[in-house]
N, C-alpha and C. Protein backbone atom coordinates (compact mmCIF):
# COMPACT_ATOMS: atom_id res chain seq x y z
N MET A 1 1.09 -1.29 -0.19
CA MET A 1 0.33 -0.35 -0.02
C MET A 1 0.86 1.11 -0.12
N LEU A 2 0.48 2.61 -0.45
CA LEU A 2 1.68 3.50 -1.21
C LEU A 2 1.76 4.18 0.27
N SER A 3 0.83 4.47 0.66
CA SER A 3 0.47 5.37 2.00
C SER A 3 1.29 4.72 2.81
N GLN A 4 0.98 3.63 3.18
CA GLN A 4 2.15 3.03 3.96
C GLN A 4 3.36 2.96 4.12
N THR A 5 3.73 2.93 2.57
CA THR A 5 5.29 3.23 2.26
C THR A 5 5.90 4.86 2.85
N PHE A 6 5.11 5.64 2.57
CA PHE A 6 4.50 6.97 2.75
C PHE A 6 4.93 7.16 4.45
N LEU A 7 3.83 6.72 5.30
CA LEU A 7 4.03 6.84 6.34
C LEU A 7 5.34 6.41 6.85
N LYS A 8 5.81 4.94 6.05
CA LYS A 8 7.31 4.05 6.91
C LYS A 8 8.21 5.51 6.73
N SER A 9 8.22 6.44 5.37
CA SER A 9 8.97 7.39 5.11
C SER A 9 9.36 8.44 6.25
N VAL A 10 7.87 8.79 6.89
CA VAL A 10 7.51 9.87 7.70
C VAL A 10 7.98 9.18 9.15
N GLU A 11 8.08 8.28 9.30
CA GLU A 11 8.35 7.61 10.90
C GLU A 11 9.79 7.86 10.96
N ASN A 12 10.60 7.39 9.61
CA ASN A 12 11.83 7.11 9.76
C ASN A 12 12.73 8.26 9.90
N ARG A 13 12.21 9.21 9.53
CA ARG A 13 12.78 10.39 9.67
C ARG A 13 12.91 10.60 10.84
N ARG A 14 14.27 11.35 11.51
CA ARG A 14 14.90 11.42 12.61
C ARG A 14 15.63 12.48 12.89
N SER A 15 15.74 13.07 13.47
CA SER A 15 17.28 14.01 13.95
C SER A 15 18.27 13.50 14.08
N ILE A 16 19.23 13.21 13.17
CA ILE A 16 20.86 13.01 12.55
C ILE A 16 21.54 13.78 13.36
N TYR A 17 22.98 13.89 14.21
CA TYR A 17 23.31 14.80 14.80
C TYR A 17 25.02 14.64 13.63
N ALA A 18 25.19 13.14 14.09
CA ALA A 18 26.84 12.53 13.87
C ALA A 18 26.57 12.03 12.07
N ILE A 19 27.14 13.04 11.28
CA ILE A 19 27.48 12.65 9.58
C ILE A 19 28.61 13.11 9.06
N ASN A 20 28.65 12.81 8.39
CA ASN A 20 29.85 13.08 7.58
C ASN A 20 29.44 13.23 6.21
N ASN A 21 30.81 13.33 5.26
CA ASN A 21 30.93 14.00 4.07
C ASN A 21 30.85 13.20 2.96
N GLU A 22 30.79 11.47 3.16
CA GLU A 22 30.60 10.83 2.10
C GLU A 22 29.23 10.82 1.05
N THR A 23 29.93 10.27 -0.05
CA THR A 23 28.55 10.95 -1.25
C THR A 23 27.97 9.79 -0.92
N ILE A 24 26.35 10.02 -1.30
CA ILE A 24 25.49 8.89 -1.20
C ILE A 24 25.21 9.35 -3.08
N LEU A 25 24.09 10.79 -2.97
CA LEU A 25 23.84 10.95 -4.15
C LEU A 25 24.80 11.55 -5.11
N SER A 26 24.82 11.35 -6.48
CA SER A 26 25.50 11.84 -7.04
C SER A 26 24.95 13.80 -6.93
N ASP A 27 25.48 15.36 -6.83
CA ASP A 27 25.21 16.73 -6.66
C ASP A 27 24.24 16.91 -7.46
N GLU A 28 23.90 16.06 -9.03
CA GLU A 28 22.91 16.01 -9.69
C GLU A 28 21.96 15.69 -9.19
N LYS A 29 21.74 14.88 -8.98
CA LYS A 29 20.79 13.83 -8.02
C LYS A 29 20.33 14.80 -6.80
N LEU A 30 21.31 14.98 -6.12
CA LEU A 30 20.84 15.67 -4.62
C LEU A 30 20.23 17.02 -5.17
N GLU A 31 20.86 17.70 -5.96
CA GLU A 31 19.79 19.24 -6.65
C GLU A 31 18.61 18.84 -6.96
N GLY A 32 18.09 17.44 -7.85
CA GLY A 32 16.85 17.28 -8.67
C GLY A 32 16.02 16.78 -7.40
N LEU A 33 16.23 16.17 -6.20
CA LEU A 33 15.47 15.88 -5.26
C LEU A 33 15.07 17.16 -4.34
N ILE A 34 15.75 17.99 -4.68
CA ILE A 34 15.44 19.16 -3.61
C ILE A 34 14.72 20.24 -4.10
N GLN A 35 15.12 20.49 -5.58
CA GLN A 35 14.35 20.95 -6.86
C GLN A 35 12.74 20.59 -6.44
N HIS A 36 12.76 19.35 -7.12
CA HIS A 36 11.16 18.73 -6.61
C HIS A 36 10.20 18.83 -5.12
N ALA A 37 11.01 18.53 -4.41
CA ALA A 37 10.57 19.40 -3.40
C ALA A 37 10.11 20.42 -3.08
N VAL A 38 11.12 21.48 -3.81
CA VAL A 38 10.85 22.98 -3.68
C VAL A 38 9.29 23.44 -4.45
N LYS A 39 9.26 22.96 -5.31
CA LYS A 39 8.12 22.94 -6.74
C LYS A 39 6.91 22.50 -6.36
N HIS A 40 6.88 21.09 -5.56
CA HIS A 40 5.35 20.80 -5.65
C HIS A 40 4.92 21.04 -4.03
N THR A 41 5.70 21.25 -3.17
CA THR A 41 5.61 21.47 -1.98
C THR A 41 4.42 22.78 -1.68
N PRO A 42 3.43 22.57 -1.14
CA PRO A 42 2.11 23.32 -1.69
C PRO A 42 2.55 24.56 -0.59
N SER A 43 1.82 25.92 -0.76
CA SER A 43 1.72 27.39 -0.50
C SER A 43 0.38 27.94 -0.26
N ALA A 44 0.03 29.02 0.69
CA ALA A 44 -0.96 29.20 0.79
C ALA A 44 -1.70 30.26 -0.41
N PHE A 45 -2.62 30.06 -1.17
CA PHE A 45 -3.11 31.18 -2.14
C PHE A 45 -1.89 30.54 -3.13
N ASN A 46 -0.91 29.74 -3.22
CA ASN A 46 -0.26 29.41 -4.54
C ASN A 46 1.50 30.22 -4.29
N SER A 47 0.81 31.11 -2.92
CA SER A 47 2.20 32.30 -3.21
C SER A 47 3.47 31.41 -3.35
N GLN A 48 3.68 30.72 -3.20
CA GLN A 48 5.35 29.88 -3.46
C GLN A 48 6.45 30.83 -3.16
N THR A 49 6.06 31.17 -1.59
CA THR A 49 7.25 31.96 -0.68
C THR A 49 8.78 31.63 -0.30
N ALA A 50 9.14 29.98 -0.54
CA ALA A 50 10.38 29.30 -0.17
C ALA A 50 10.96 29.56 -1.05
N ARG A 51 12.12 29.52 -0.19
CA ARG A 51 13.34 30.04 -0.98
C ARG A 51 14.34 28.86 -0.19
N VAL A 52 15.54 28.18 -1.36
CA VAL A 52 15.97 27.45 -0.31
C VAL A 52 17.86 27.82 -1.24
N VAL A 53 19.07 27.46 -0.34
CA VAL A 53 19.98 27.81 -0.51
C VAL A 53 20.90 26.56 0.17
N VAL A 54 21.09 26.12 -1.16
CA VAL A 54 21.92 24.30 -0.94
C VAL A 54 23.64 24.56 -0.75
N LEU A 55 24.73 24.39 0.16
CA LEU A 55 25.59 24.54 0.37
C LEU A 55 26.52 23.11 0.47
N LEU A 56 27.18 23.25 -0.72
CA LEU A 56 28.16 21.86 -0.60
C LEU A 56 29.62 21.90 -0.03
N GLY A 57 30.69 21.08 0.23
CA GLY A 57 32.11 21.12 0.34
C GLY A 57 32.22 22.20 1.20
N GLU A 58 33.26 23.34 0.60
CA GLU A 58 33.69 24.49 1.09
C GLU A 58 32.70 25.33 1.44
N GLN A 59 31.78 25.56 0.73
CA GLN A 59 30.87 26.61 1.17
C GLN A 59 29.60 26.22 2.34
N ASN A 60 29.36 24.76 2.30
CA ASN A 60 28.96 24.10 3.62
C ASN A 60 29.88 24.76 5.07
N LYS A 61 31.44 23.82 4.85
CA LYS A 61 32.30 24.22 6.29
C LYS A 61 32.21 25.94 6.62
N ARG A 62 32.04 27.04 5.46
CA ARG A 62 32.27 28.25 5.77
C ARG A 62 30.96 28.78 6.27
N LEU A 63 29.35 28.33 6.34
CA LEU A 63 28.80 28.60 7.00
C LEU A 63 28.78 28.56 8.20
N TRP A 64 29.17 27.19 8.55
CA TRP A 64 29.74 27.08 10.03
C TRP A 64 30.48 28.06 10.98
N GLU A 65 31.32 28.46 9.76
CA GLU A 65 32.47 28.96 10.53
C GLU A 65 32.21 30.28 10.74
N ILE A 66 30.84 30.88 10.02
CA ILE A 66 30.34 31.94 10.12
C ILE A 66 29.69 31.81 11.26
N THR A 67 28.98 30.69 11.90
CA THR A 67 28.27 30.51 12.53
C THR A 67 28.49 30.48 13.59
N SER A 68 30.14 29.53 13.91
CA SER A 68 30.90 30.18 15.39
C SER A 68 31.16 30.78 15.67
N ASP A 69 31.82 31.86 14.55
CA ASP A 69 32.67 33.10 14.76
C ASP A 69 31.28 34.27 15.61
N THR A 70 30.06 33.89 15.04
CA THR A 70 28.98 35.07 15.55
C THR A 70 28.86 34.32 17.04
N LEU A 71 28.88 33.18 17.52
CA LEU A 71 28.51 32.45 18.19
C LEU A 71 29.53 32.68 19.72
N LYS A 72 30.69 32.77 19.04
CA LYS A 72 31.82 33.16 20.31
C LYS A 72 31.80 34.30 20.73
N LYS A 73 30.75 35.17 20.08
CA LYS A 73 30.97 36.76 20.36
C LYS A 73 29.93 36.91 21.59
N ILE A 74 29.10 35.72 21.66
CA ILE A 74 27.64 35.46 23.11
C ILE A 74 27.95 34.85 23.91
N VAL A 75 28.35 33.54 23.57
CA VAL A 75 28.28 32.55 24.41
C VAL A 75 30.06 32.67 25.74
N PRO A 76 29.22 32.81 26.71
CA PRO A 76 30.67 32.77 27.49
C PRO A 76 31.92 31.54 27.72
N GLU A 77 32.92 31.98 27.30
CA GLU A 77 34.18 31.17 26.84
C GLU A 77 34.16 29.63 27.98
N GLU A 78 34.27 30.03 28.62
CA GLU A 78 33.79 28.81 29.75
C GLU A 78 32.67 27.51 29.29
N ASN A 79 31.48 28.03 28.13
CA ASN A 79 30.72 27.10 27.79
C ASN A 79 31.01 26.88 26.44
N PHE A 80 31.80 27.40 25.88
CA PHE A 80 32.08 27.60 24.04
C PHE A 80 32.73 26.33 23.58
N GLU A 81 32.97 25.35 24.48
CA GLU A 81 33.62 24.51 23.95
C GLU A 81 32.59 22.99 23.36
N SER A 82 31.30 22.74 23.96
CA SER A 82 30.54 21.82 23.24
C SER A 82 29.77 22.60 22.01
N THR A 83 29.72 23.78 21.76
CA THR A 83 29.54 24.58 21.21
C THR A 83 30.37 24.36 19.39
N ALA A 84 31.41 24.93 20.02
CA ALA A 84 32.44 24.50 19.13
C ALA A 84 32.56 23.21 18.65
N GLN A 85 32.14 22.19 19.33
CA GLN A 85 32.31 20.44 19.00
C GLN A 85 30.91 20.36 17.86
N ARG A 86 29.70 21.17 18.30
CA ARG A 86 28.68 21.10 17.55
C ARG A 86 28.81 21.64 16.17
N MET A 87 29.48 22.63 15.79
CA MET A 87 29.64 23.66 14.80
C MET A 87 30.76 22.53 13.50
N THR A 88 31.49 21.67 14.31
CA THR A 88 32.37 21.46 13.98
C THR A 88 31.77 19.82 12.95
N MET A 89 31.04 19.40 14.06
CA MET A 89 29.81 18.51 13.53
C MET A 89 29.05 19.01 12.46
N PHE A 90 28.82 20.05 12.32
CA PHE A 90 27.85 20.28 11.30
C PHE A 90 28.70 20.56 9.91
N GLY A 91 29.72 21.06 9.92
CA GLY A 91 30.52 21.57 8.94
C GLY A 91 30.95 19.83 8.85
N SER A 92 31.04 18.72 9.08
CA SER A 92 31.45 18.22 8.86
C SER A 92 30.83 17.10 7.69
N GLY A 93 29.44 17.55 7.10
CA GLY A 93 28.85 16.79 6.96
C GLY A 93 28.66 17.21 5.32
N TYR A 94 27.71 16.41 4.59
CA TYR A 94 28.37 16.19 2.71
C TYR A 94 27.54 18.13 2.20
N GLY A 95 26.36 18.52 3.42
CA GLY A 95 26.06 19.77 3.07
C GLY A 95 25.37 20.82 3.82
N THR A 96 24.87 21.82 3.92
CA THR A 96 23.65 22.21 4.66
C THR A 96 22.59 23.25 3.40
N ILE A 97 21.51 22.96 4.10
CA ILE A 97 20.71 23.63 3.47
C ILE A 97 19.77 24.73 4.12
N LEU A 98 19.86 25.85 3.50
CA LEU A 98 18.98 26.82 3.69
C LEU A 98 17.94 26.94 3.85
N PHE A 99 16.69 27.48 4.19
CA PHE A 99 15.41 27.83 4.12
C PHE A 99 15.23 29.50 4.69
N PHE A 100 14.16 30.16 3.46
CA PHE A 100 14.03 31.08 3.64
C PHE A 100 12.97 31.23 3.01
N GLU A 101 11.94 32.54 3.86
CA GLU A 101 10.67 32.73 2.76
C GLU A 101 10.84 33.90 2.38
N ASP A 102 10.21 34.04 1.34
CA ASP A 102 10.93 35.53 0.12
C ASP A 102 9.58 36.50 0.89
N MET A 103 9.97 37.56 2.15
CA MET A 103 9.11 38.23 2.66
C MET A 103 8.08 39.35 1.61
N GLN A 104 8.65 39.61 0.29
CA GLN A 104 8.43 40.19 -0.22
C GLN A 104 7.33 40.01 -1.10
N ILE A 105 7.15 38.59 -1.20
CA ILE A 105 5.96 38.11 -1.69
C ILE A 105 4.92 38.33 -0.75
N VAL A 106 4.99 37.83 0.44
CA VAL A 106 3.97 37.73 1.45
C VAL A 106 3.52 39.33 1.76
N GLU A 107 4.49 40.32 1.74
CA GLU A 107 3.69 41.13 1.95
C GLU A 107 3.11 41.99 0.35
N ASN A 108 3.20 41.59 -0.66
CA ASN A 108 3.03 41.66 -1.59
C ASN A 108 1.39 40.94 -1.88
N PHE A 109 0.78 39.63 -1.44
CA PHE A 109 -0.43 39.14 -0.64
C PHE A 109 -0.92 39.87 0.06
N GLN A 110 -0.49 40.28 0.88
CA GLN A 110 -1.03 40.78 2.48
C GLN A 110 -1.75 42.53 1.79
N GLU A 111 -0.73 43.13 0.78
CA GLU A 111 -1.57 44.29 0.11
C GLU A 111 -2.93 43.57 -0.93
N GLN A 112 -2.90 42.83 -1.20
CA GLN A 112 -3.60 41.83 -2.23
C GLN A 112 -4.76 41.57 -2.00
N PHE A 113 -4.77 41.11 -0.60
CA PHE A 113 -5.52 40.56 0.14
C PHE A 113 -5.86 40.78 1.45
N GLU A 114 -6.32 41.96 1.96
CA GLU A 114 -6.57 42.88 2.67
C GLU A 114 -7.13 41.90 3.50
N GLU A 115 -8.01 41.52 3.69
CA GLU A 115 -9.00 40.77 4.70
C GLU A 115 -7.92 39.57 4.82
N TYR A 116 -6.98 38.82 4.48
CA TYR A 116 -6.16 38.04 5.22
C TYR A 116 -5.29 38.69 5.45
N LYS A 117 -4.97 39.82 5.45
CA LYS A 117 -3.62 40.59 6.49
C LYS A 117 -2.60 39.84 7.09
N ASP A 118 -3.08 39.34 7.90
CA ASP A 118 -2.80 38.67 9.20
C ASP A 118 -2.50 38.07 9.41
N ASN A 119 -2.80 36.57 8.46
CA ASN A 119 -2.33 35.51 8.32
C ASN A 119 -1.55 35.13 7.17
N PHE A 120 -0.86 35.65 6.44
CA PHE A 120 -0.13 35.60 5.77
C PHE A 120 1.28 35.46 6.42
N PRO A 121 1.72 35.94 7.31
CA PRO A 121 3.16 35.75 8.26
C PRO A 121 2.94 34.31 8.38
N THR A 122 1.87 34.06 8.93
CA THR A 122 1.47 32.62 9.34
C THR A 122 1.27 31.43 8.51
N TRP A 123 0.63 31.73 7.40
CA TRP A 123 0.69 30.47 6.54
C TRP A 123 2.07 30.67 5.63
N SER A 124 3.27 31.60 5.57
CA SER A 124 4.28 32.03 4.85
C SER A 124 5.27 30.14 5.87
N GLN A 125 4.68 30.46 7.03
CA GLN A 125 5.86 29.80 8.18
C GLN A 125 4.96 28.62 7.78
N GLN A 126 3.73 27.78 8.02
CA GLN A 126 3.67 26.91 7.59
C GLN A 126 4.08 26.43 6.45
N SER A 127 4.09 27.11 5.50
CA SER A 127 4.86 26.29 4.09
C SER A 127 6.52 26.19 4.26
N SER A 128 6.95 27.14 4.94
CA SER A 128 8.37 26.87 4.88
C SER A 128 8.62 25.43 5.78
N GLY A 129 7.63 25.28 6.64
CA GLY A 129 7.47 23.49 7.42
C GLY A 129 7.45 22.60 6.54
N MET A 130 6.28 23.22 6.20
CA MET A 130 6.00 21.95 4.73
C MET A 130 7.38 21.34 3.65
N VAL A 131 7.87 22.57 3.37
CA VAL A 131 9.14 22.46 2.35
C VAL A 131 10.29 21.85 3.25
N GLN A 132 10.28 21.98 4.44
CA GLN A 132 11.34 21.29 5.19
C GLN A 132 11.39 19.96 5.84
N HIS A 133 9.78 19.70 5.98
CA HIS A 133 9.66 18.37 5.94
C HIS A 133 9.35 17.57 4.71
N VAL A 134 9.30 18.22 3.63
CA VAL A 134 9.12 17.20 2.51
C VAL A 134 11.02 16.47 2.12
N ILE A 135 11.84 18.19 2.50
CA ILE A 135 12.86 17.78 2.20
C ILE A 135 13.40 16.84 2.80
N TRP A 136 13.32 17.17 4.51
CA TRP A 136 14.20 15.97 5.23
C TRP A 136 13.82 15.18 4.73
N THR A 137 12.33 14.51 5.11
CA THR A 137 11.94 12.76 4.56
C THR A 137 12.42 12.65 3.40
N ALA A 138 12.87 13.21 2.30
CA ALA A 138 13.18 12.96 1.31
C ALA A 138 14.67 12.44 0.98
N LEU A 139 15.54 13.46 2.13
CA LEU A 139 16.87 13.06 2.30
C LEU A 139 17.03 11.57 3.25
N SER A 140 16.42 11.64 3.99
CA SER A 140 16.29 10.35 5.13
C SER A 140 16.20 8.79 4.43
N ASP A 141 14.96 9.22 2.80
CA ASP A 141 14.55 8.68 2.51
C ASP A 141 16.13 7.66 1.64
N GLU A 142 16.33 8.69 1.36
CA GLU A 142 17.65 8.68 -0.05
C GLU A 142 19.48 7.26 0.59
N GLY A 143 19.06 7.55 2.63
CA GLY A 143 20.48 7.48 3.13
C GLY A 143 20.74 8.58 3.80
N TYR A 144 20.44 9.87 4.00
CA TYR A 144 20.91 10.71 4.54
C TYR A 144 20.12 11.27 5.97
N GLY A 145 21.81 11.01 7.07
CA GLY A 145 21.02 11.94 8.58
C GLY A 145 21.10 13.53 8.23
N ALA A 146 19.91 14.27 9.07
CA ALA A 146 19.90 15.60 9.02
C ALA A 146 19.17 15.97 10.16
N SER A 147 19.81 16.96 10.49
CA SER A 147 18.88 17.78 11.73
C SER A 147 18.73 19.34 10.94
N LEU A 148 17.50 19.57 11.79
CA LEU A 148 16.66 21.28 11.83
C LEU A 148 17.46 21.92 12.82
N GLN A 149 18.15 23.90 12.50
CA GLN A 149 19.05 23.96 13.21
C GLN A 149 18.69 25.83 13.32
N HIS A 150 18.46 26.51 14.43
CA HIS A 150 17.66 27.93 14.21
C HIS A 150 19.15 28.92 14.42
N TYR A 151 19.88 28.81 14.22
CA TYR A 151 21.00 30.14 14.65
C TYR A 151 20.47 31.18 13.84
N ASN A 152 19.61 31.18 13.33
CA ASN A 152 18.89 32.92 12.61
C ASN A 152 18.06 33.07 13.98
N PRO A 153 17.84 34.60 13.82
CA PRO A 153 18.96 35.25 13.29
C PRO A 153 19.93 36.38 13.79
N LEU A 154 20.49 35.18 14.41
CA LEU A 154 22.34 35.85 14.28
C LEU A 154 22.50 36.03 13.24
N ILE A 155 22.93 35.01 12.26
CA ILE A 155 23.83 35.14 11.82
C ILE A 155 23.06 35.82 9.69
N ASP A 156 21.53 36.24 9.93
CA ASP A 156 21.28 36.49 9.06
C ASP A 156 21.93 37.43 8.00
N ASP A 157 22.11 38.16 8.69
CA ASP A 157 22.72 39.54 7.85
C ASP A 157 24.33 38.92 7.13
N GLU A 158 25.43 38.27 7.50
CA GLU A 158 26.64 37.89 6.99
C GLU A 158 26.20 36.59 6.49
N VAL A 159 24.88 35.98 6.50
CA VAL A 159 24.69 34.81 5.12
C VAL A 159 23.95 35.69 4.26
N LYS A 160 23.46 36.62 4.35
CA LYS A 160 23.23 37.25 2.72
C LYS A 160 24.16 38.63 2.62
N ALA A 161 24.92 38.22 3.07
CA ALA A 161 25.89 38.94 2.54
C ALA A 161 27.55 38.09 1.86
N GLU A 162 27.25 37.11 2.43
CA GLU A 162 28.40 35.93 1.99
C GLU A 162 28.06 35.28 0.35
N TRP A 163 26.58 35.46 0.09
CA TRP A 163 26.18 34.69 -0.62
C TRP A 163 25.52 35.58 -1.51
N ASN A 164 25.27 36.52 -1.12
CA ASN A 164 24.98 37.93 -2.01
C ASN A 164 23.28 37.44 -2.31
N LEU A 165 22.52 37.61 -1.42
CA LEU A 165 21.37 36.62 -1.52
C LEU A 165 20.52 37.85 -1.25
N PRO A 166 19.05 38.42 -1.53
CA PRO A 166 18.14 38.95 -1.13
C PRO A 166 17.72 39.88 -0.24
N SER A 167 17.41 40.76 0.01
CA SER A 167 17.35 41.68 1.56
C SER A 167 15.96 41.16 1.74
N SER A 168 15.02 40.47 1.24
CA SER A 168 13.86 40.22 1.15
C SER A 168 13.25 38.98 1.93
N TRP A 169 14.79 38.20 1.84
CA TRP A 169 14.65 36.76 2.14
C TRP A 169 15.15 36.62 3.59
N LYS A 170 13.80 35.54 4.38
CA LYS A 170 14.00 35.92 5.73
C LYS A 170 14.47 34.59 5.75
N LEU A 171 15.77 34.31 6.56
CA LEU A 171 16.22 32.86 7.06
C LEU A 171 14.98 32.36 8.14
N MET A 172 14.90 30.92 7.97
CA MET A 172 14.06 30.07 8.29
C MET A 172 14.85 29.45 9.50
N SER A 173 15.47 28.03 8.87
CA SER A 173 15.90 27.34 9.45
C SER A 173 17.46 26.77 8.83
N GLN A 174 18.22 26.07 9.47
CA GLN A 174 19.30 25.45 8.12
C GLN A 174 19.67 24.32 8.95
N MET A 175 19.78 23.19 7.50
CA MET A 175 19.50 21.66 8.17
C MET A 175 20.50 21.50 7.60
N PRO A 176 21.70 20.67 8.09
CA PRO A 176 23.25 20.34 7.84
C PRO A 176 23.02 19.00 7.75
N PHE A 177 23.61 18.08 6.43
CA PHE A 177 23.12 17.03 6.43
C PHE A 177 24.47 16.46 5.54
N GLY A 178 24.19 14.63 5.57
CA GLY A 178 25.41 13.85 5.37
C GLY A 178 24.77 12.16 5.86
N LYS A 179 26.20 11.80 5.30
CA LYS A 179 25.98 10.03 5.44
C LYS A 179 25.88 10.16 7.24
N ILE A 180 25.17 9.25 7.45
CA ILE A 180 24.73 8.73 8.92
C ILE A 180 26.42 7.99 9.56
N VAL A 181 26.69 8.66 10.79
CA VAL A 181 28.05 8.00 11.52
C VAL A 181 27.40 7.24 12.92
N ALA A 182 26.10 7.58 13.51
CA ALA A 182 25.59 7.03 14.16
C ALA A 182 24.33 7.11 14.15
N PRO A 183 23.37 6.28 14.79
CA PRO A 183 21.75 6.92 14.29
C PRO A 183 21.46 7.32 15.43
N ALA A 184 20.06 7.78 15.47
CA ALA A 184 19.24 8.49 16.28
C ALA A 184 18.78 7.21 17.56
N GLY A 185 18.93 8.34 19.09
CA GLY A 185 18.22 7.03 19.96
C GLY A 185 16.69 7.46 19.95
N GLU A 186 16.65 6.47 20.88
CA GLU A 186 15.22 5.88 21.17
C GLU A 186 13.97 7.43 21.49
N LYS A 187 13.14 7.56 21.05
CA LYS A 187 12.42 8.46 20.65
C LYS A 187 11.18 8.13 21.68
N GLU A 188 11.01 8.97 22.70
CA GLU A 188 9.60 8.73 23.69
C GLU A 188 8.37 9.60 23.10
N PHE A 189 6.90 8.54 22.89
CA PHE A 189 6.03 9.80 22.25
C PHE A 189 4.78 9.80 23.46
N GLN A 190 4.08 10.73 23.41
CA GLN A 190 3.00 11.08 24.19
C GLN A 190 2.25 10.33 23.98
N PRO A 191 0.93 9.24 24.36
CA PRO A 191 -0.13 8.51 23.55
C PRO A 191 -0.65 9.65 22.82
N VAL A 192 -0.89 8.97 21.68
CA VAL A 192 -1.31 9.57 20.52
C VAL A 192 -3.05 9.80 21.14
N GLU A 193 -3.54 9.33 21.54
CA GLU A 193 -4.88 9.27 21.83
C GLU A 193 -5.37 10.37 22.82
N GLU A 194 -4.40 11.20 23.55
CA GLU A 194 -4.23 12.80 24.24
C GLU A 194 -4.53 13.49 23.30
N ARG A 195 -3.79 13.22 21.93
CA ARG A 195 -3.47 14.14 21.01
C ARG A 195 -4.24 14.61 19.99
N MET A 196 -5.63 13.29 19.92
CA MET A 196 -6.16 13.15 18.56
C MET A 196 -7.47 13.10 18.67
N ARG A 197 -8.82 13.53 18.28
CA ARG A 197 -9.88 13.63 18.90
C ARG A 197 -10.80 13.45 17.00
N VAL A 198 -11.23 12.32 17.87
CA VAL A 198 -12.84 11.84 16.30
C VAL A 198 -13.90 11.70 16.88
N PHE A 199 -14.60 12.62 16.10
CA PHE A 199 -16.13 13.09 15.98
C PHE A 199 -16.86 12.43 14.99
N LYS A 200 -17.64 11.33 15.32
CA LYS A 200 -18.93 10.88 14.46
C LYS A 200 -19.93 11.27 13.96
């Protein structure tokens, strides 16, 4: 059953932190996978606000150097060792996907549909969450480990400057990924019966 295959993929997607830079897919196939997800993930009013930047190789390492340098300025020196280890870990992966939302498009829709003005920023975040999940699950199906990080807004300005990105792009999250070195641990679940109600 196709739905069961899909749900198994959703189940298998986990936060994986121990990754390396060994090749799984060719860069061409990897780019195609991400493009497909960006193209076909839904958005409110078909607004297509999601923007994605894929950083591979030295570009990936550069991102985590920027992040590390930024955090050094605010994390107490005695507490920085664990942070530095995380930066090294993320930079050791095959790449990182940066997820943005184009806020100029959000503002354009707010002007065009005044009655829904307050909803468009929320819908934009929902759309971003969906494309993140679709890409994360697709990467997992191909054997990659990934996790979702949120060093925004601390690194936003330098990231935009480093890769010459439009000022209207708002950084939402960072997804380092690579070949899995160590699997995720056990995951605890709240009783699903407490989280779902059915009325007939």
